[in-house]
Amino acid sequence: MRNALLLGVAGATASAFLAAAAPASAAPQSGCHASYRPCVPITSDVDCAGGSGNGPAYTGRVEVIGPDEYDLDRDGDGIGCQNS
């Protein structure tokens, strides 16, 4: 019983330590669309820099981590604006 109690205390301590050491969730920056990294602004449309789009905003290469609202990842591989 004593060993079970010690193991329980050690497990609870380890859990508390890991929770405290874990980084805060990577919340998007204010004004940044949550589906893209690095920051892509929240606006009516975003196009790849150097492409044929008409903006109003432009971005370079980005990782697409959610719904691709701006259609920056045409081939669906998780990287948008690969040629920018």
PDB file of N, CA and C in Angstrom:
ATOM      1  N   MET A   1       0.826  -1.189   0.000  1.00  0.00           N
ATOM      2  CA  MET A   1       0.000   0.000   0.000  1.00  0.00           C
ATOM      3  C   MET A   1       0.873   1.257   0.000  1.00  0.00           C
ATOM      4  N   ARG A   2       1.926   1.221   0.809  1.00  0.00           N
ATOM      5  CA  ARG A   2       2.809   2.393   0.887  1.00  0.00           C
ATOM      6  C   ARG A   2       3.435   2.688  -0.473  1.00  0.00           C
ATOM      7  N   ASN A   3       3.880   1.641  -1.188  1.00  0.00           N
ATOM      8  CA  ASN A   3       4.476   1.836  -2.503  1.00  0.00           C
ATOM      9  C   ASN A   3       3.464   2.406  -3.491  1.00  0.00           C
ATOM     10  N   ALA A   4       2.237   1.956  -3.418  1.00  0.00           N
ATOM     11  CA  ALA A   4       1.195   2.477  -4.306  1.00  0.00           C
ATOM     12  C   ALA A   4       0.959   3.950  -4.021  1.00  0.00           C
ATOM     13  N   LEU A   5       0.955   4.324  -2.749  1.00  0.00           N
ATOM     14  CA  LEU A   5       0.766   5.717  -2.370  1.00  0.00           C
ATOM     15  C   LEU A   5       1.922   6.571  -2.871  1.00  0.00           C
ATOM     16  N   LEU A   6       3.154   6.084  -2.699  1.00  0.00           N
ATOM     17  CA  LEU A   6       4.321   6.823  -3.180  1.00  0.00           C
ATOM     18  C   LEU A   6       4.297   6.966  -4.695  1.00  0.00           C
ATOM     19  N   LEU A   7       3.919   5.902  -5.386  1.00  0.00           N
ATOM     20  CA  LEU A   7       3.828   5.953  -6.841  1.00  0.00           C
ATOM     21  C   LEU A   7       2.759   6.952  -7.272  1.00  0.00           C
ATOM     22  N   GLY A   8       1.654   6.972  -6.567  1.00  0.00           N
ATOM     23  CA  GLY A   8       0.588   7.929  -6.876  1.00  0.00           C
ATOM     24  C   GLY A   8       1.045   9.366  -6.701  1.00  0.00           C
ATOM     25  N   VAL A   9       1.771   9.631  -5.614  1.00  0.00           N
ATOM     26  CA  VAL A   9       2.290  10.974  -5.354  1.00  0.00           C
ATOM     27  C   VAL A   9       3.323  11.352  -6.413  1.00  0.00           C
ATOM     28  N   ALA A  10       4.206  10.409  -6.756  1.00  0.00           N
ATOM     29  CA  ALA A  10       5.226  10.685  -7.768  1.00  0.00           C
ATOM     30  C   ALA A  10       4.567  10.952  -9.119  1.00  0.00           C
ATOM     31  N   GLY A  11       3.547  10.172  -9.461  1.00  0.00           N
ATOM     32  CA  GLY A  11       2.846  10.376 -10.727  1.00  0.00           C
ATOM     33  C   GLY A  11       2.155  11.729 -10.773  1.00  0.00           C
ATOM     34  N   ALA A  12       1.523  12.105  -9.660  1.00  0.00           N
ATOM     35  CA  ALA A  12       0.848  13.402  -9.609  1.00  0.00           C
ATOM     36  C   ALA A  12       1.861  14.535  -9.715  1.00  0.00           C
ATOM     37  N   THR A  13       3.005  14.383  -9.053  1.00  0.00           N
ATOM     38  CA  THR A  13       4.051  15.404  -9.118  1.00  0.00           C
ATOM     39  C   THR A  13       4.598  15.526 -10.536  1.00  0.00           C
ATOM     40  N   ALA A  14       4.837  14.383 -11.182  1.00  0.00           N
ATOM     41  CA  ALA A  14       5.345  14.406 -12.560  1.00  0.00           C
ATOM     42  C   ALA A  14       4.335  15.050 -13.487  1.00  0.00           C
ATOM     43  N   SER A  15       3.049  14.744 -13.302  1.00  0.00           N
ATOM     44  CA  SER A  15       2.012  15.343 -14.149  1.00  0.00           C
ATOM     45  C   SER A  15       1.968  16.850 -13.976  1.00  0.00           C
ATOM     46  N   ALA A  16       2.066  17.300 -12.724  1.00  0.00           N
ATOM     47  CA  ALA A  16       2.054  18.738 -12.459  1.00  0.00           C
ATOM     48  C   ALA A  16       3.267  19.407 -13.088  1.00  0.00           C
ATOM     49  N   PHE A  17       4.439  18.759 -12.993  1.00  0.00           N
ATOM     50  CA  PHE A  17       5.654  19.310 -13.575  1.00  0.00           C
ATOM     51  C   PHE A  17       5.517  19.415 -15.091  1.00  0.00           C
ATOM     52  N   LEU A  18       5.032  18.356 -15.725  1.00  0.00           N
ATOM     53  CA  LEU A  18       4.890  18.372 -17.181  1.00  0.00           C
ATOM     54  C   LEU A  18       3.884  19.419 -17.620  1.00  0.00           C
ATOM     55  N   ALA A  19       2.816  19.575 -16.870  1.00  0.00           N
ATOM     56  CA  ALA A  19       1.821  20.585 -17.230  1.00  0.00           C
ATOM     57  C   ALA A  19       2.415  21.983 -17.120  1.00  0.00           C
ATOM     58  N   ALA A  20       3.230  22.211 -16.095  1.00  0.00           N
ATOM     59  CA  ALA A  20       3.842  23.525 -15.918  1.00  0.00           C
ATOM     60  C   ALA A  20       4.915  23.779 -16.964  1.00  0.00           C
ATOM     61  N   ALA A  21       5.610  22.720 -17.394  1.00  0.00           N
ATOM     62  CA  ALA A  21       6.704  22.884 -18.345  1.00  0.00           C
ATOM     63  C   ALA A  21       6.215  22.948 -19.784  1.00  0.00           C
ATOM     64  N   ALA A  22       5.000  22.492 -20.039  1.00  0.00           N
ATOM     65  CA  ALA A  22       4.483  22.488 -21.409  1.00  0.00           C
ATOM     66  C   ALA A  22       4.256  23.925 -21.870  1.00  0.00           C
ATOM     67  N   PRO A  23       4.657  24.227 -23.099  1.00  0.00           N
ATOM     68  CA  PRO A  23       4.445  25.581 -23.596  1.00  0.00           C
ATOM     69  C   PRO A  23       2.964  25.847 -23.796  1.00  0.00           C
ATOM     70  N   ALA A  24       2.596  27.079 -23.679  1.00  0.00           N
ATOM     71  CA  ALA A  24       1.210  27.460 -23.935  1.00  0.00           C
ATOM     72  C   ALA A  24       0.871  27.122 -25.376  1.00  0.00           C
ATOM     73  N   SER A  25      -0.379  26.842 -25.622  1.00  0.00           N
ATOM     74  CA  SER A  25      -0.765  26.501 -26.993  1.00  0.00           C
ATOM     75  C   SER A  25      -0.400  27.654 -27.921  1.00  0.00           C
ATOM     76  N   ALA A  26      -0.015  27.304 -29.115  1.00  0.00           N
ATOM     77  CA  ALA A  26       0.424  28.306 -30.081  1.00  0.00           C
ATOM     78  C   ALA A  26      -0.793  29.032 -30.640  1.00  0.00           C
ATOM     79  N   ALA A  27      -1.309  29.936 -29.874  1.00  0.00           N
ATOM     80  CA  ALA A  27      -2.463  30.706 -30.308  1.00  0.00           C
ATOM     81  C   ALA A  27      -2.025  31.651 -31.420  1.00  0.00           C
ATOM     82  N   PRO A  28      -2.872  31.820 -32.413  1.00  0.00           N
ATOM     83  CA  PRO A  28      -2.492  32.723 -33.496  1.00  0.00           C
ATOM     84  C   PRO A  28      -2.336  34.154 -32.990  1.00  0.00           C
ATOM     85  N   GLN A  29      -1.443  34.872 -33.645  1.00  0.00           N
ATOM     86  CA  GLN A  29      -1.261  36.276 -33.299  1.00  0.00           C
ATOM     87  C   GLN A  29      -2.537  37.026 -33.653  1.00  0.00           C
ATOM     88  N   SER A  30      -2.761  38.112 -32.983  1.00  0.00           N
ATOM     89  CA  SER A  30      -3.922  38.935 -33.278  1.00  0.00           C
ATOM     90  C   SER A  30      -3.870  39.394 -34.727  1.00  0.00           C
ATOM     91  N   GLY A  31      -4.964  39.216 -35.440  1.00  0.00           N
ATOM     92  CA  GLY A  31      -5.016  39.627 -36.837  1.00  0.00           C
ATOM     93  C   GLY A  31      -4.475  38.598 -37.811  1.00  0.00           C
ATOM     94  N   CYS A  32      -4.051  37.422 -37.292  1.00  0.00           N
ATOM     95  CA  CYS A  32      -3.503  36.370 -38.141  1.00  0.00           C
ATOM     96  C   CYS A  32      -4.515  35.238 -38.289  1.00  0.00           C
ATOM     97  N   HIS A  33      -4.620  34.714 -39.486  1.00  0.00           N
ATOM     98  CA  HIS A  33      -5.514  33.583 -39.735  1.00  0.00           C
ATOM     99  C   HIS A  33      -4.930  32.338 -39.086  1.00  0.00           C
ATOM    100  N   ALA A  34      -5.739  31.588 -38.334  1.00  0.00           N
ATOM    101  CA  ALA A  34      -5.277  30.426 -37.580  1.00  0.00           C
ATOM    102  C   ALA A  34      -4.868  29.246 -38.454  1.00  0.00           C
ATOM    103  N   SER A  35      -5.196  29.260 -39.744  1.00  0.00           N
ATOM    104  CA  SER A  35      -4.882  28.134 -40.627  1.00  0.00           C
ATOM    105  C   SER A  35      -3.496  28.196 -41.245  1.00  0.00           C
ATOM    106  N   TYR A  36      -2.759  29.269 -40.995  1.00  0.00           N
ATOM    107  CA  TYR A  36      -1.474  29.442 -41.683  1.00  0.00           C
ATOM    108  C   TYR A  36      -0.370  29.823 -40.717  1.00  0.00           C
ATOM    109  N   ARG A  37       0.851  29.326 -41.005  1.00  0.00           N
ATOM    110  CA  ARG A  37       2.065  29.724 -40.295  1.00  0.00           C
ATOM    111  C   ARG A  37       3.143  30.000 -41.305  1.00  0.00           C
ATOM    112  N   PRO A  38       3.902  31.057 -41.235  1.00  0.00           N
ATOM    113  CA  PRO A  38       3.752  32.175 -40.308  1.00  0.00           C
ATOM    114  C   PRO A  38       2.480  32.970 -40.595  1.00  0.00           C
ATOM    115  N   CYS A  39       2.344  34.074 -39.916  1.00  0.00           N
ATOM    116  CA  CYS A  39       1.133  34.886 -39.954  1.00  0.00           C
ATOM    117  C   CYS A  39       0.698  35.235 -41.381  1.00  0.00           C
ATOM    118  N   VAL A  40      -0.577  34.964 -41.646  1.00  0.00           N
ATOM    119  CA  VAL A  40      -1.252  35.437 -42.858  1.00  0.00           C
ATOM    120  C   VAL A  40      -2.408  36.284 -42.346  1.00  0.00           C
ATOM    121  N   PRO A  41      -2.547  37.517 -42.808  1.00  0.00           N
ATOM    122  CA  PRO A  41      -3.576  38.398 -42.257  1.00  0.00           C
ATOM    123  C   PRO A  41      -4.989  37.907 -42.555  1.00  0.00           C
ATOM    124  N   ILE A  42      -5.893  38.246 -41.656  1.00  0.00           N
ATOM    125  CA  ILE A  42      -7.304  37.981 -41.885  1.00  0.00           C
ATOM    126  C   ILE A  42      -7.832  39.145 -42.714  1.00  0.00           C
ATOM    127  N   THR A  43      -8.210  38.849 -43.935  1.00  0.00           N
ATOM    128  CA  THR A  43      -8.697  39.867 -44.857  1.00  0.00           C
ATOM    129  C   THR A  43      -9.602  39.195 -45.879  1.00  0.00           C
ATOM    130  N   SER A  44     -10.138  39.953 -46.802  1.00  0.00           N
ATOM    131  CA  SER A  44     -11.069  39.384 -47.783  1.00  0.00           C
ATOM    132  C   SER A  44     -10.403  38.380 -48.713  1.00  0.00           C
ATOM    133  N   ASP A  45      -9.110  38.559 -49.024  1.00  0.00           N
ATOM    134  CA  ASP A  45      -8.393  37.623 -49.889  1.00  0.00           C
ATOM    135  C   ASP A  45      -6.893  37.802 -49.688  1.00  0.00           C
ATOM    136  N   VAL A  46      -6.180  36.690 -49.762  1.00  0.00           N
ATOM    137  CA  VAL A  46      -4.718  36.705 -49.704  1.00  0.00           C
ATOM    138  C   VAL A  46      -4.228  35.873 -50.875  1.00  0.00           C
ATOM    139  N   ASP A  47      -3.246  36.380 -51.589  1.00  0.00           N
ATOM    140  CA  ASP A  47      -2.667  35.680 -52.732  1.00  0.00           C
ATOM    141  C   ASP A  47      -1.171  35.495 -52.519  1.00  0.00           C
ATOM    142  N   CYS A  48      -0.586  34.601 -53.303  1.00  0.00           N
ATOM    143  CA  CYS A  48       0.850  34.367 -53.226  1.00  0.00           C
ATOM    144  C   CYS A  48       1.606  35.528 -53.859  1.00  0.00           C
ATOM    145  N   ALA A  49       2.623  36.006 -53.162  1.00  0.00           N
ATOM    146  CA  ALA A  49       3.448  37.088 -53.691  1.00  0.00           C
ATOM    147  C   ALA A  49       4.092  36.628 -54.993  1.00  0.00           C
ATOM    148  N   GLY A  50       4.080  37.490 -55.972  1.00  0.00           N
ATOM    149  CA  GLY A  50       4.684  37.173 -57.265  1.00  0.00           C
ATOM    150  C   GLY A  50       3.773  36.377 -58.189  1.00  0.00           C
ATOM    151  N   GLY A  51       2.578  36.045 -57.712  1.00  0.00           N
ATOM    152  CA  GLY A  51       1.628  35.299 -58.535  1.00  0.00           C
ATOM    153  C   GLY A  51       0.720  36.238 -59.302  1.00  0.00           C
ATOM    154  N   SER A  52      -0.327  35.688 -59.870  1.00  0.00           N
ATOM    155  CA  SER A  52      -1.229  36.495 -60.693  1.00  0.00           C
ATOM    156  C   SER A  52      -2.437  37.024 -59.916  1.00  0.00           C
ATOM    157  N   GLY A  53      -2.498  36.765 -58.605  1.00  0.00           N
ATOM    158  CA  GLY A  53      -3.634  37.221 -57.808  1.00  0.00           C
ATOM    159  C   GLY A  53      -3.673  38.728 -57.655  1.00  0.00           C
ATOM    160  N   ASN A  54      -4.863  39.212 -57.259  1.00  0.00           N
ATOM    161  CA  ASN A  54      -5.049  40.657 -57.146  1.00  0.00           C
ATOM    162  C   ASN A  54      -5.197  41.136 -55.706  1.00  0.00           C
ATOM    163  N   GLY A  55      -4.764  40.325 -54.735  1.00  0.00           N
ATOM    164  CA  GLY A  55      -4.755  40.757 -53.341  1.00  0.00           C
ATOM    165  C   GLY A  55      -6.134  40.897 -52.736  1.00  0.00           C
ATOM    166  N   PRO A  56      -6.280  41.720 -51.754  1.00  0.00           N
ATOM    167  CA  PRO A  56      -5.499  42.889 -51.370  1.00  0.00           C
ATOM    168  C   PRO A  56      -4.242  42.590 -50.552  1.00  0.00           C
ATOM    169  N   ALA A  57      -4.068  41.348 -50.112  1.00  0.00           N
ATOM    170  CA  ALA A  57      -2.876  41.019 -49.322  1.00  0.00           C
ATOM    171  C   ALA A  57      -2.101  39.909 -50.028  1.00  0.00           C
ATOM    172  N   TYR A  58      -0.806  39.854 -49.762  1.00  0.00           N
ATOM    173  CA  TYR A  58       0.064  38.859 -50.394  1.00  0.00           C
ATOM    174  C   TYR A  58       0.933  38.205 -49.330  1.00  0.00           C
ATOM    175  N   THR A  59       1.325  36.956 -49.587  1.00  0.00           N
ATOM    176  CA  THR A  59       2.191  36.248 -48.659  1.00  0.00           C
ATOM    177  C   THR A  59       3.202  35.410 -49.422  1.00  0.00           C
ATOM    178  N   GLY A  60       4.258  35.042 -48.750  1.00  0.00           N
ATOM    179  CA  GLY A  60       5.229  34.101 -49.299  1.00  0.00           C
ATOM    180  C   GLY A  60       4.863  32.695 -48.858  1.00  0.00           C
ATOM    181  N   ARG A  61       5.825  31.813 -48.859  1.00  0.00           N
ATOM    182  CA  ARG A  61       5.626  30.402 -48.507  1.00  0.00           C
ATOM    183  C   ARG A  61       5.068  30.284 -47.085  1.00  0.00           C
ATOM    184  N   VAL A  62       4.027  29.473 -46.916  1.00  0.00           N
ATOM    185  CA  VAL A  62       3.393  29.270 -45.620  1.00  0.00           C
ATOM    186  C   VAL A  62       3.058  27.796 -45.412  1.00  0.00           C
ATOM    187  N   GLU A  63       2.972  27.394 -44.149  1.00  0.00           N
ATOM    188  CA  GLU A  63       2.480  26.070 -43.796  1.00  0.00           C
ATOM    189  C   GLU A  63       0.972  26.197 -43.589  1.00  0.00           C
ATOM    190  N   VAL A  64       0.211  25.306 -44.206  1.00  0.00           N
ATOM    191  CA  VAL A  64      -1.242  25.310 -44.068  1.00  0.00           C
ATOM    192  C   VAL A  64      -1.601  24.273 -43.015  1.00  0.00           C
ATOM    193  N   ILE A  65      -2.134  24.734 -41.872  1.00  0.00           N
ATOM    194  CA  ILE A  65      -2.402  23.856 -40.740  1.00  0.00           C
ATOM    195  C   ILE A  65      -3.893  23.747 -40.424  1.00  0.00           C
ATOM    196  N   GLY A  66      -4.729  24.271 -41.277  1.00  0.00           N
ATOM    197  CA  GLY A  66      -6.175  24.217 -41.095  1.00  0.00           C
ATOM    198  C   GLY A  66      -6.832  24.361 -42.454  1.00  0.00           C
ATOM    199  N   PRO A  67      -8.112  24.681 -42.455  1.00  0.00           N
ATOM    200  CA  PRO A  67      -8.799  24.884 -43.735  1.00  0.00           C
ATOM    201  C   PRO A  67      -8.109  25.968 -44.565  1.00  0.00           C
ATOM    202  N   ASP A  68      -7.871  25.673 -45.816  1.00  0.00           N
ATOM    203  CA  ASP A  68      -7.139  26.591 -46.708  1.00  0.00           C
ATOM    204  C   ASP A  68      -8.106  27.603 -47.328  1.00  0.00           C
ATOM    205  N   GLU A  69      -8.552  28.520 -46.497  1.00  0.00           N
ATOM    206  CA  GLU A  69      -9.570  29.496 -46.894  1.00  0.00           C
ATOM    207  C   GLU A  69      -9.143  30.351 -48.089  1.00  0.00           C
ATOM    208  N   TYR A  70      -7.867  30.636 -48.201  1.00  0.00           N
ATOM    209  CA  TYR A  70      -7.376  31.503 -49.271  1.00  0.00           C
ATOM    210  C   TYR A  70      -6.851  30.726 -50.475  1.00  0.00           C
ATOM    211  N   ASP A  71      -6.967  29.401 -50.455  1.00  0.00           N
ATOM    212  CA  ASP A  71      -6.547  28.535 -51.566  1.00  0.00           C
ATOM    213  C   ASP A  71      -5.078  28.770 -51.941  1.00  0.00           C
ATOM    214  N   LEU A  72      -4.236  28.809 -50.918  1.00  0.00           N
ATOM    215  CA  LEU A  72      -2.805  29.032 -51.144  1.00  0.00           C
ATOM    216  C   LEU A  72      -2.051  27.729 -51.419  1.00  0.00           C
ATOM    217  N   ASP A  73      -2.655  26.600 -51.008  1.00  0.00           N
ATOM    218  CA  ASP A  73      -2.020  25.284 -51.164  1.00  0.00           C
ATOM    219  C   ASP A  73      -2.737  24.520 -52.274  1.00  0.00           C
ATOM    220  N   ARG A  74      -2.448  24.864 -53.498  1.00  0.00           N
ATOM    221  CA  ARG A  74      -3.159  24.288 -54.649  1.00  0.00           C
ATOM    222  C   ARG A  74      -2.994  22.786 -54.783  1.00  0.00           C
ATOM    223  N   ASP A  75      -1.824  22.225 -54.401  1.00  0.00           N
ATOM    224  CA  ASP A  75      -1.613  20.781 -54.586  1.00  0.00           C
ATOM    225  C   ASP A  75      -1.932  19.971 -53.331  1.00  0.00           C
ATOM    226  N   GLY A  76      -2.359  20.627 -52.241  1.00  0.00           N
ATOM    227  CA  GLY A  76      -2.812  19.941 -51.052  1.00  0.00           C
ATOM    228  C   GLY A  76      -1.733  19.262 -50.215  1.00  0.00           C
ATOM    229  N   ASP A  77      -0.470  19.693 -50.354  1.00  0.00           N
ATOM    230  CA  ASP A  77       0.609  19.044 -49.603  1.00  0.00           C
ATOM    231  C   ASP A  77       0.920  19.721 -48.258  1.00  0.00           C
ATOM    232  N   GLY A  78       0.138  20.722 -47.880  1.00  0.00           N
ATOM    233  CA  GLY A  78       0.351  21.398 -46.603  1.00  0.00           C
ATOM    234  C   GLY A  78       1.269  22.606 -46.675  1.00  0.00           C
ATOM    235  N   ILE A  79       1.796  22.911 -47.851  1.00  0.00           N
ATOM    236  CA  ILE A  79       2.661  24.090 -48.041  1.00  0.00           C
ATOM    237  C   ILE A  79       1.993  24.984 -49.079  1.00  0.00           C
ATOM    238  N   GLY A  80       1.750  26.227 -48.683  1.00  0.00           N
ATOM    239  CA  GLY A  80       1.154  27.189 -49.602  1.00  0.00           C
ATOM    240  C   GLY A  80       2.203  28.106 -50.178  1.00  0.00           C
ATOM    241  N   CYS A  81       1.923  28.592 -51.370  1.00  0.00           N
ATOM    242  CA  CYS A  81       2.812  29.544 -52.063  1.00  0.00           C
ATOM    243  C   CYS A  81       4.231  28.987 -52.178  1.00  0.00           C
ATOM    244  N   GLN A  82       4.353  27.778 -52.610  1.00  0.00           N
ATOM    245  CA  GLN A  82       5.661  27.113 -52.691  1.00  0.00           C
ATOM    246  C   GLN A  82       6.637  27.828 -53.610  1.00  0.00           C
ATOM    247  N   ASN A  83       6.154  28.512 -54.607  1.00  0.00           N
ATOM    248  CA  ASN A  83       7.051  29.196 -55.558  1.00  0.00           C
ATOM    249  C   ASN A  83       7.279  30.657 -55.228  1.00  0.00           C
ATOM    250  N   SER A  84       6.799  31.099 -54.069  1.00  0.00           N
ATOM    251  CA  SER A  84       6.979  32.508 -53.706  1.00  0.00           C
ATOM    252  C   SER A  84       8.250  32.713 -52.945  1.00  0.00           C
TER     253      SER A  84
END
